[in-house]
Amino acid sequence: MALGLHVVGCTILRFAVNISLLPTLHRALITLSALQLGQGPRAVVLKNNQVTEADLREHYASWQRLHVVNQAKQARYEPDADTTTDPPAQAA
């Protein structure tokens, strides 16, 4: 059993899973996210998630698409700097 990672916004939740039950695509996506966030030495992360460099290359485009979609969703829900206002000043 290995620790899996699930990306929620900018937070990674760790959970125990039998990593071999996940499809290679999902293991590669988890691994690419972990590597981007500096979750350990590359060789260790690949070994723990049971993926190869070839798996990462094969699924990199899918991971990039998910990353872009996630960033777009975050941008929709984060207030723009131009639209935020300072709180009213308190009376002296």
PDB file of N, CA and C in Angstrom:
ATOM      1  N   MET A   1       0.848  -1.172   0.000  1.00  0.00           N
ATOM      2  CA  MET A   1       0.000   0.000   0.000  1.00  0.00           C
ATOM      3  C   MET A   1       0.895   1.236   0.000  1.00  0.00           C
ATOM      4  N   ALA A   2       0.517   2.219  -0.776  1.00  0.00           N
ATOM      5  CA  ALA A   2       1.305   3.441  -0.894  1.00  0.00           C
ATOM      6  C   ALA A   2       0.432   4.642  -0.592  1.00  0.00           C
ATOM      7  N   LEU A   3       1.089   5.773  -0.377  1.00  0.00           N
ATOM      8  CA  LEU A   3       0.342   7.011  -0.203  1.00  0.00           C
ATOM      9  C   LEU A   3      -0.012   7.559  -1.561  1.00  0.00           C
ATOM     10  N   GLY A   4      -1.267   7.847  -1.756  1.00  0.00           N
ATOM     11  CA  GLY A   4      -1.705   8.479  -2.995  1.00  0.00           C
ATOM     12  C   GLY A   4      -1.857   9.969  -2.760  1.00  0.00           C
ATOM     13  N   LEU A   5      -1.947  10.696  -3.845  1.00  0.00           N
ATOM     14  CA  LEU A   5      -2.126  12.139  -3.751  1.00  0.00           C
ATOM     15  C   LEU A   5      -3.352  12.527  -4.546  1.00  0.00           C
ATOM     16  N   HIS A   6      -4.105  13.458  -4.013  1.00  0.00           N
ATOM     17  CA  HIS A   6      -5.264  13.996  -4.720  1.00  0.00           C
ATOM     18  C   HIS A   6      -5.150  15.507  -4.653  1.00  0.00           C
ATOM     19  N   VAL A   7      -5.139  16.146  -5.808  1.00  0.00           N
ATOM     20  CA  VAL A   7      -4.967  17.588  -5.861  1.00  0.00           C
ATOM     21  C   VAL A   7      -6.328  18.256  -5.748  1.00  0.00           C
ATOM     22  N   VAL A   8      -6.465  19.134  -4.776  1.00  0.00           N
ATOM     23  CA  VAL A   8      -7.683  19.915  -4.579  1.00  0.00           C
ATOM     24  C   VAL A   8      -7.245  21.361  -4.522  1.00  0.00           C
ATOM     25  N   GLY A   9      -7.503  22.106  -5.603  1.00  0.00           N
ATOM     26  CA  GLY A   9      -6.999  23.474  -5.648  1.00  0.00           C
ATOM     27  C   GLY A   9      -5.494  23.431  -5.576  1.00  0.00           C
ATOM     28  N   CYS A  10      -4.928  24.088  -4.596  1.00  0.00           N
ATOM     29  CA  CYS A  10      -3.482  24.082  -4.407  1.00  0.00           C
ATOM     30  C   CYS A  10      -3.077  23.135  -3.294  1.00  0.00           C
ATOM     31  N   THR A  11      -4.031  22.384  -2.759  1.00  0.00           N
ATOM     32  CA  THR A  11      -3.762  21.488  -1.647  1.00  0.00           C
ATOM     33  C   THR A  11      -3.696  20.060  -2.143  1.00  0.00           C
ATOM     34  N   ILE A  12      -2.737  19.319  -1.642  1.00  0.00           N
ATOM     35  CA  ILE A  12      -2.662  17.893  -1.974  1.00  0.00           C
ATOM     36  C   ILE A  12      -3.075  17.116  -0.732  1.00  0.00           C
ATOM     37  N   LEU A  13      -4.064  16.265  -0.914  1.00  0.00           N
ATOM     38  CA  LEU A  13      -4.491  15.400   0.166  1.00  0.00           C
ATOM     39  C   LEU A  13      -3.803  14.057  -0.019  1.00  0.00           C
ATOM     40  N   ARG A  14      -3.264  13.530   1.046  1.00  0.00           N
ATOM     41  CA  ARG A  14      -2.622  12.218   0.980  1.00  0.00           C
ATOM     42  C   ARG A  14      -3.601  11.179   1.524  1.00  0.00           C
ATOM     43  N   PHE A  15      -3.674  10.063   0.856  1.00  0.00           N
ATOM     44  CA  PHE A  15      -4.542   8.995   1.315  1.00  0.00           C
ATOM     45  C   PHE A  15      -3.904   7.660   0.979  1.00  0.00           C
ATOM     46  N   ALA A  16      -4.196   6.669   1.802  1.00  0.00           N
ATOM     47  CA  ALA A  16      -3.626   5.345   1.584  1.00  0.00           C
ATOM     48  C   ALA A  16      -4.442   4.608   0.529  1.00  0.00           C
ATOM     49  N   VAL A  17      -3.760   4.115  -0.492  1.00  0.00           N
ATOM     50  CA  VAL A  17      -4.419   3.343  -1.537  1.00  0.00           C
ATOM     51  C   VAL A  17      -3.498   2.209  -1.951  1.00  0.00           C
ATOM     52  N   ASN A  18      -4.100   1.203  -2.513  1.00  0.00           N
ATOM     53  CA  ASN A  18      -3.306   0.173  -3.155  1.00  0.00           C
ATOM     54  C   ASN A  18      -3.070   0.702  -4.561  1.00  0.00           C
ATOM     55  N   ILE A  19      -1.931   1.333  -4.772  1.00  0.00           N
ATOM     56  CA  ILE A  19      -1.652   2.089  -5.995  1.00  0.00           C
ATOM     57  C   ILE A  19      -1.766   1.216  -7.241  1.00  0.00           C
ATOM     58  N   SER A  20      -1.512  -0.066  -7.123  1.00  0.00           N
ATOM     59  CA  SER A  20      -1.559  -0.931  -8.300  1.00  0.00           C
ATOM     60  C   SER A  20      -2.984  -1.120  -8.818  1.00  0.00           C
ATOM     61  N   LEU A  21      -3.999  -0.767  -8.021  1.00  0.00           N
ATOM     62  CA  LEU A  21      -5.380  -0.875  -8.481  1.00  0.00           C
ATOM     63  C   LEU A  21      -5.761   0.279  -9.403  1.00  0.00           C
ATOM     64  N   LEU A  22      -4.998   1.358  -9.373  1.00  0.00           N
ATOM     65  CA  LEU A  22      -5.293   2.500 -10.229  1.00  0.00           C
ATOM     66  C   LEU A  22      -4.746   2.260 -11.631  1.00  0.00           C
ATOM     67  N   PRO A  23      -5.446   2.757 -12.651  1.00  0.00           N
ATOM     68  CA  PRO A  23      -4.912   2.649 -14.013  1.00  0.00           C
ATOM     69  C   PRO A  23      -3.611   3.445 -14.145  1.00  0.00           C
ATOM     70  N   THR A  24      -2.813   3.078 -15.118  1.00  0.00           N
ATOM     71  CA  THR A  24      -1.537   3.759 -15.345  1.00  0.00           C
ATOM     72  C   THR A  24      -1.738   5.249 -15.559  1.00  0.00           C
ATOM     73  N   LEU A  25      -2.794   5.636 -16.255  1.00  0.00           N
ATOM     74  CA  LEU A  25      -3.066   7.060 -16.475  1.00  0.00           C
ATOM     75  C   LEU A  25      -3.164   7.795 -15.148  1.00  0.00           C
ATOM     76  N   HIS A  26      -3.944   7.275 -14.216  1.00  0.00           N
ATOM     77  CA  HIS A  26      -4.127   7.948 -12.935  1.00  0.00           C
ATOM     78  C   HIS A  26      -2.839   7.973 -12.123  1.00  0.00           C
ATOM     79  N   ARG A  27      -2.105   6.865 -12.140  1.00  0.00           N
ATOM     80  CA  ARG A  27      -0.829   6.839 -11.415  1.00  0.00           C
ATOM     81  C   ARG A  27       0.141   7.856 -12.002  1.00  0.00           C
ATOM     82  N   ALA A  28       0.133   8.001 -13.338  1.00  0.00           N
ATOM     83  CA  ALA A  28       1.019   8.976 -13.986  1.00  0.00           C
ATOM     84  C   ALA A  28       0.605  10.402 -13.629  1.00  0.00           C
ATOM     85  N   LEU A  29      -0.698  10.680 -13.590  1.00  0.00           N
ATOM     86  CA  LEU A  29      -1.173  12.016 -13.238  1.00  0.00           C
ATOM     87  C   LEU A  29      -0.802  12.365 -11.801  1.00  0.00           C
ATOM     88  N   ILE A  30      -0.970  11.410 -10.900  1.00  0.00           N
ATOM     89  CA  ILE A  30      -0.582  11.610  -9.502  1.00  0.00           C
ATOM     90  C   ILE A  30       0.914  11.883  -9.414  1.00  0.00           C
ATOM     91  N   THR A  31       1.697  11.097 -10.134  1.00  0.00           N
ATOM     92  CA  THR A  31       3.150  11.235 -10.108  1.00  0.00           C
ATOM     93  C   THR A  31       3.583  12.585 -10.652  1.00  0.00           C
ATOM     94  N   LEU A  32       3.022  13.013 -11.773  1.00  0.00           N
ATOM     95  CA  LEU A  32       3.396  14.303 -12.353  1.00  0.00           C
ATOM     96  C   LEU A  32       3.055  15.450 -11.402  1.00  0.00           C
ATOM     97  N   SER A  33       1.908  15.371 -10.736  1.00  0.00           N
ATOM     98  CA  SER A  33       1.538  16.404  -9.765  1.00  0.00           C
ATOM     99  C   SER A  33       2.496  16.405  -8.580  1.00  0.00           C
ATOM    100  N   ALA A  34       2.837  15.228  -8.101  1.00  0.00           N
ATOM    101  CA  ALA A  34       3.767  15.123  -6.978  1.00  0.00           C
ATOM    102  C   ALA A  34       5.136  15.689  -7.348  1.00  0.00           C
ATOM    103  N   LEU A  35       5.601  15.386  -8.548  1.00  0.00           N
ATOM    104  CA  LEU A  35       6.900  15.894  -8.984  1.00  0.00           C
ATOM    105  C   LEU A  35       6.875  17.406  -9.136  1.00  0.00           C
ATOM    106  N   GLN A  36       5.784  17.949  -9.657  1.00  0.00           N
ATOM    107  CA  GLN A  36       5.683  19.401  -9.809  1.00  0.00           C
ATOM    108  C   GLN A  36       5.751  20.093  -8.451  1.00  0.00           C
ATOM    109  N   LEU A  37       5.183  19.467  -7.444  1.00  0.00           N
ATOM    110  CA  LEU A  37       5.148  20.065  -6.118  1.00  0.00           C
ATOM    111  C   LEU A  37       6.352  19.687  -5.261  1.00  0.00           C
ATOM    112  N   GLY A  38       7.316  19.008  -5.860  1.00  0.00           N
ATOM    113  CA  GLY A  38       8.541  18.672  -5.137  1.00  0.00           C
ATOM    114  C   GLY A  38       8.336  17.688  -4.006  1.00  0.00           C
ATOM    115  N   GLN A  39       7.514  16.684  -4.239  1.00  0.00           N
ATOM    116  CA  GLN A  39       7.173  15.728  -3.195  1.00  0.00           C
ATOM    117  C   GLN A  39       8.228  14.656  -2.947  1.00  0.00           C
ATOM    118  N   GLY A  40       9.418  14.815  -3.490  1.00  0.00           N
ATOM    119  CA  GLY A  40      10.464  13.854  -3.211  1.00  0.00           C
ATOM    120  C   GLY A  40      11.358  13.646  -4.409  1.00  0.00           C
ATOM    121  N   PRO A  41      12.398  12.862  -4.239  1.00  0.00           N
ATOM    122  CA  PRO A  41      13.277  12.553  -5.371  1.00  0.00           C
ATOM    123  C   PRO A  41      12.494  11.829  -6.469  1.00  0.00           C
ATOM    124  N   ARG A  42      12.781  12.175  -7.702  1.00  0.00           N
ATOM    125  CA  ARG A  42      12.052  11.646  -8.861  1.00  0.00           C
ATOM    126  C   ARG A  42      11.989  10.121  -8.854  1.00  0.00           C
ATOM    127  N   ALA A  43      13.116   9.473  -8.650  1.00  0.00           N
ATOM    128  CA  ALA A  43      13.151   8.008  -8.694  1.00  0.00           C
ATOM    129  C   ALA A  43      12.245   7.396  -7.623  1.00  0.00           C
ATOM    130  N   VAL A  44      12.201   8.004  -6.462  1.00  0.00           N
ATOM    131  CA  VAL A  44      11.370   7.495  -5.362  1.00  0.00           C
ATOM    132  C   VAL A  44       9.890   7.693  -5.682  1.00  0.00           C
ATOM    133  N   VAL A  45       9.539   8.857  -6.198  1.00  0.00           N
ATOM    134  CA  VAL A  45       8.141   9.140  -6.539  1.00  0.00           C
ATOM    135  C   VAL A  45       7.664   8.181  -7.631  1.00  0.00           C
ATOM    136  N   LEU A  46       8.485   7.961  -8.650  1.00  0.00           N
ATOM    137  CA  LEU A  46       8.112   7.018  -9.704  1.00  0.00           C
ATOM    138  C   LEU A  46       7.937   5.606  -9.148  1.00  0.00           C
ATOM    139  N   LYS A  47       8.858   5.185  -8.297  1.00  0.00           N
ATOM    140  CA  LYS A  47       8.786   3.840  -7.724  1.00  0.00           C
ATOM    141  C   LYS A  47       7.541   3.685  -6.846  1.00  0.00           C
ATOM    142  N   ASN A  48       7.285   4.676  -5.992  1.00  0.00           N
ATOM    143  CA  ASN A  48       6.130   4.596  -5.097  1.00  0.00           C
ATOM    144  C   ASN A  48       4.814   4.544  -5.855  1.00  0.00           C
ATOM    145  N   ASN A  49       4.757   5.200  -7.009  1.00  0.00           N
ATOM    146  CA  ASN A  49       3.523   5.238  -7.796  1.00  0.00           C
ATOM    147  C   ASN A  49       3.513   4.205  -8.919  1.00  0.00           C
ATOM    148  N   GLN A  50       4.561   3.400  -8.980  1.00  0.00           N
ATOM    149  CA  GLN A  50       4.667   2.295  -9.936  1.00  0.00           C
ATOM    150  C   GLN A  50       4.461   2.762 -11.372  1.00  0.00           C
ATOM    151  N   VAL A  51       5.194   3.822 -11.760  1.00  0.00           N
ATOM    152  CA  VAL A  51       5.176   4.300 -13.140  1.00  0.00           C
ATOM    153  C   VAL A  51       6.610   4.432 -13.640  1.00  0.00           C
ATOM    154  N   THR A  52       6.737   4.484 -14.941  1.00  0.00           N
ATOM    155  CA  THR A  52       8.044   4.640 -15.573  1.00  0.00           C
ATOM    156  C   THR A  52       8.121   6.002 -16.244  1.00  0.00           C
ATOM    157  N   GLU A  53       9.314   6.352 -16.683  1.00  0.00           N
ATOM    158  CA  GLU A  53       9.487   7.593 -17.439  1.00  0.00           C
ATOM    159  C   GLU A  53       8.639   7.548 -18.714  1.00  0.00           C
ATOM    160  N   ALA A  54       8.548   6.370 -19.326  1.00  0.00           N
ATOM    161  CA  ALA A  54       7.723   6.222 -20.536  1.00  0.00           C
ATOM    162  C   ALA A  54       6.248   6.498 -20.230  1.00  0.00           C
ATOM    163  N   ASP A  55       5.768   6.035 -19.072  1.00  0.00           N
ATOM    164  CA  ASP A  55       4.387   6.324 -18.668  1.00  0.00           C
ATOM    165  C   ASP A  55       4.171   7.826 -18.523  1.00  0.00           C
ATOM    166  N   LEU A  56       5.141   8.508 -17.916  1.00  0.00           N
ATOM    167  CA  LEU A  56       5.019   9.959 -17.729  1.00  0.00           C
ATOM    168  C   LEU A  56       4.974  10.671 -19.073  1.00  0.00           C
ATOM    169  N   ARG A  57       5.840  10.267 -19.995  1.00  0.00           N
ATOM    170  CA  ARG A  57       5.841  10.889 -21.326  1.00  0.00           C
ATOM    171  C   ARG A  57       4.509  10.653 -22.036  1.00  0.00           C
ATOM    172  N   GLU A  58       3.981   9.434 -21.909  1.00  0.00           N
ATOM    173  CA  GLU A  58       2.729   9.084 -22.583  1.00  0.00           C
ATOM    174  C   GLU A  58       1.555   9.915 -22.072  1.00  0.00           C
ATOM    175  N   HIS A  59       1.526  10.212 -20.798  1.00  0.00           N
ATOM    176  CA  HIS A  59       0.373  10.871 -20.187  1.00  0.00           C
ATOM    177  C   HIS A  59       0.617  12.343 -19.843  1.00  0.00           C
ATOM    178  N   TYR A  60       1.756  12.881 -20.241  1.00  0.00           N
ATOM    179  CA  TYR A  60       2.085  14.264 -19.911  1.00  0.00           C
ATOM    180  C   TYR A  60       1.081  15.250 -20.508  1.00  0.00           C
ATOM    181  N   ALA A  61       0.665  15.049 -21.739  1.00  0.00           N
ATOM    182  CA  ALA A  61      -0.291  15.965 -22.384  1.00  0.00           C
ATOM    183  C   ALA A  61      -1.619  15.983 -21.627  1.00  0.00           C
ATOM    184  N   SER A  62      -2.069  14.834 -21.143  1.00  0.00           N
ATOM    185  CA  SER A  62      -3.308  14.776 -20.352  1.00  0.00           C
ATOM    186  C   SER A  62      -3.155  15.548 -19.055  1.00  0.00           C
ATOM    187  N   TRP A  63      -2.007  15.401 -18.420  1.00  0.00           N
ATOM    188  CA  TRP A  63      -1.752  16.124 -17.175  1.00  0.00           C
ATOM    189  C   TRP A  63      -1.734  17.634 -17.424  1.00  0.00           C
ATOM    190  N   GLN A  64      -1.118  18.057 -18.526  1.00  0.00           N
ATOM    191  CA  GLN A  64      -1.085  19.476 -18.853  1.00  0.00           C
ATOM    192  C   GLN A  64      -2.496  20.019 -19.049  1.00  0.00           C
ATOM    193  N   ARG A  65      -3.347  19.280 -19.765  1.00  0.00           N
ATOM    194  CA  ARG A  65      -4.728  19.720 -19.974  1.00  0.00           C
ATOM    195  C   ARG A  65      -5.456  19.874 -18.644  1.00  0.00           C
ATOM    196  N   LEU A  66      -5.310  18.906 -17.760  1.00  0.00           N
ATOM    197  CA  LEU A  66      -5.950  18.997 -16.448  1.00  0.00           C
ATOM    198  C   LEU A  66      -5.421  20.188 -15.659  1.00  0.00           C
ATOM    199  N   HIS A  67      -4.138  20.427 -15.756  1.00  0.00           N
ATOM    200  CA  HIS A  67      -3.508  21.545 -15.053  1.00  0.00           C
ATOM    201  C   HIS A  67      -4.078  22.873 -15.552  1.00  0.00           C
ATOM    202  N   VAL A  68      -4.223  23.020 -16.849  1.00  0.00           N
ATOM    203  CA  VAL A  68      -4.760  24.255 -17.437  1.00  0.00           C
ATOM    204  C   VAL A  68      -6.221  24.439 -17.031  1.00  0.00           C
ATOM    205  N   VAL A  69      -7.009  23.370 -17.073  1.00  0.00           N
ATOM    206  CA  VAL A  69      -8.415  23.450 -16.684  1.00  0.00           C
ATOM    207  C   VAL A  69      -8.526  23.852 -15.218  1.00  0.00           C
ATOM    208  N   ASN A  70      -7.694  23.265 -14.372  1.00  0.00           N
ATOM    209  CA  ASN A  70      -7.714  23.595 -12.944  1.00  0.00           C
ATOM    210  C   ASN A  70      -7.368  25.064 -12.726  1.00  0.00           C
ATOM    211  N   GLN A  71      -6.373  25.569 -13.430  1.00  0.00           N
ATOM    212  CA  GLN A  71      -5.996  26.975 -13.287  1.00  0.00           C
ATOM    213  C   GLN A  71      -7.126  27.887 -13.753  1.00  0.00           C
ATOM    214  N   ALA A  72      -7.808  27.521 -14.828  1.00  0.00           N
ATOM    215  CA  ALA A  72      -8.918  28.329 -15.327  1.00  0.00           C
ATOM    216  C   ALA A  72     -10.066  28.354 -14.320  1.00  0.00           C
ATOM    217  N   LYS A  73     -10.347  27.216 -13.708  1.00  0.00           N
ATOM    218  CA  LYS A  73     -11.413  27.159 -12.704  1.00  0.00           C
ATOM    219  C   LYS A  73     -11.057  28.030 -11.504  1.00  0.00           C
ATOM    220  N   GLN A  74      -9.802  27.965 -11.062  1.00  0.00           N
ATOM    221  CA  GLN A  74      -9.383  28.788  -9.934  1.00  0.00           C
ATOM    222  C   GLN A  74      -9.498  30.265 -10.266  1.00  0.00           C
ATOM    223  N   ALA A  75      -9.142  30.642 -11.475  1.00  0.00           N
ATOM    224  CA  ALA A  75      -9.189  32.046 -11.879  1.00  0.00           C
ATOM    225  C   ALA A  75     -10.632  32.559 -11.860  1.00  0.00           C
ATOM    226  N   ARG A  76     -11.586  31.700 -12.184  1.00  0.00           N
ATOM    227  CA  ARG A  76     -12.994  32.113 -12.178  1.00  0.00           C
ATOM    228  C   ARG A  76     -13.491  32.418 -10.783  1.00  0.00           C
ATOM    229  N   TYR A  77     -12.960  31.745  -9.767  1.00  0.00           N
ATOM    230  CA  TYR A  77     -13.471  31.886  -8.416  1.00  0.00           C
ATOM    231  C   TYR A  77     -12.631  32.791  -7.530  1.00  0.00           C
ATOM    232  N   GLU A  78     -11.496  33.224  -8.013  1.00  0.00           N
ATOM    233  CA  GLU A  78     -10.670  34.140  -7.234  1.00  0.00           C
ATOM    234  C   GLU A  78     -11.001  35.563  -7.652  1.00  0.00           C
ATOM    235  N   PRO A  79     -11.199  36.455  -6.678  1.00  0.00           N
ATOM    236  CA  PRO A  79     -11.528  37.832  -7.038  1.00  0.00           C
ATOM    237  C   PRO A  79     -10.357  38.508  -7.741  1.00  0.00           C
ATOM    238  N   ASP A  80     -10.686  39.363  -8.702  1.00  0.00           N
ATOM    239  CA  ASP A  80      -9.662  40.144  -9.385  1.00  0.00           C
ATOM    240  C   ASP A  80      -9.136  41.213  -8.437  1.00  0.00           C
ATOM    241  N   ALA A  81      -7.884  41.566  -8.615  1.00  0.00           N
ATOM    242  CA  ALA A  81      -7.283  42.609  -7.788  1.00  0.00           C
ATOM    243  C   ALA A  81      -7.987  43.944  -8.003  1.00  0.00           C
ATOM    244  N   ASP A  82      -8.502  44.193  -9.228  1.00  0.00           N
ATOM    245  CA  ASP A  82      -9.166  45.459  -9.540  1.00  0.00           C
ATOM    246  C   ASP A  82     -10.530  45.567  -8.878  1.00  0.00           C
ATOM    247  N   THR A  83     -11.183  44.432  -8.606  1.00  0.00           N
ATOM    248  CA  THR A  83     -12.546  44.490  -8.079  1.00  0.00           C
ATOM    249  C   THR A  83     -12.594  44.432  -6.562  1.00  0.00           C
ATOM    250  N   THR A  84     -11.496  44.132  -5.911  1.00  0.00           N
ATOM    251  CA  THR A  84     -11.514  44.087  -4.453  1.00  0.00           C
ATOM    252  C   THR A  84     -11.419  45.496  -3.910  1.00  0.00           C
ATOM    253  N   THR A  85     -12.102  45.716  -2.834  1.00  0.00           N
ATOM    254  CA  THR A  85     -12.057  47.026  -2.197  1.00  0.00           C
ATOM    255  C   THR A  85     -11.530  46.870  -0.788  1.00  0.00           C
ATOM    256  N   ASP A  86     -10.915  47.916  -0.313  1.00  0.00           N
ATOM    257  CA  ASP A  86     -10.426  47.904   1.057  1.00  0.00           C
ATOM    258  C   ASP A  86     -11.625  48.024   1.993  1.00  0.00           C
ATOM    259  N   PRO A  87     -11.513  47.449   3.179  1.00  0.00           N
ATOM    260  CA  PRO A  87     -12.608  47.601   4.128  1.00  0.00           C
ATOM    261  C   PRO A  87     -12.724  49.074   4.518  1.00  0.00           C
ATOM    262  N   PRO A  88     -13.933  49.509   4.878  1.00  0.00           N
ATOM    263  CA  PRO A  88     -14.099  50.905   5.270  1.00  0.00           C
ATOM    264  C   PRO A  88     -13.258  51.220   6.499  1.00  0.00           C
ATOM    265  N   ALA A  89     -12.773  52.442   6.553  1.00  0.00           N
ATOM    266  CA  ALA A  89     -11.966  52.893   7.693  1.00  0.00           C
ATOM    267  C   ALA A  89     -12.858  53.029   8.914  1.00  0.00           C
ATOM    268  N   GLN A  90     -12.300  52.671  10.060  1.00  0.00           N
ATOM    269  CA  GLN A  90     -13.064  52.793  11.288  1.00  0.00           C
ATOM    270  C   GLN A  90     -13.059  54.246  11.752  1.00  0.00           C
ATOM    271  N   ALA A  91     -14.143  54.640  12.367  1.00  0.00           N
ATOM    272  CA  ALA A  91     -14.234  56.008  12.889  1.00  0.00           C
ATOM    273  C   ALA A  91     -13.292  56.154  14.075  1.00  0.00           C
ATOM    274  N   ALA A  92     -12.652  57.300  14.166  1.00  0.00           N
ATOM    275  CA  ALA A  92     -11.680  57.530  15.236  1.00  0.00           C
ATOM    276  C   ALA A  92     -12.330  57.881  16.531  1.00  0.00           C
TER     277      ALA A  92
END
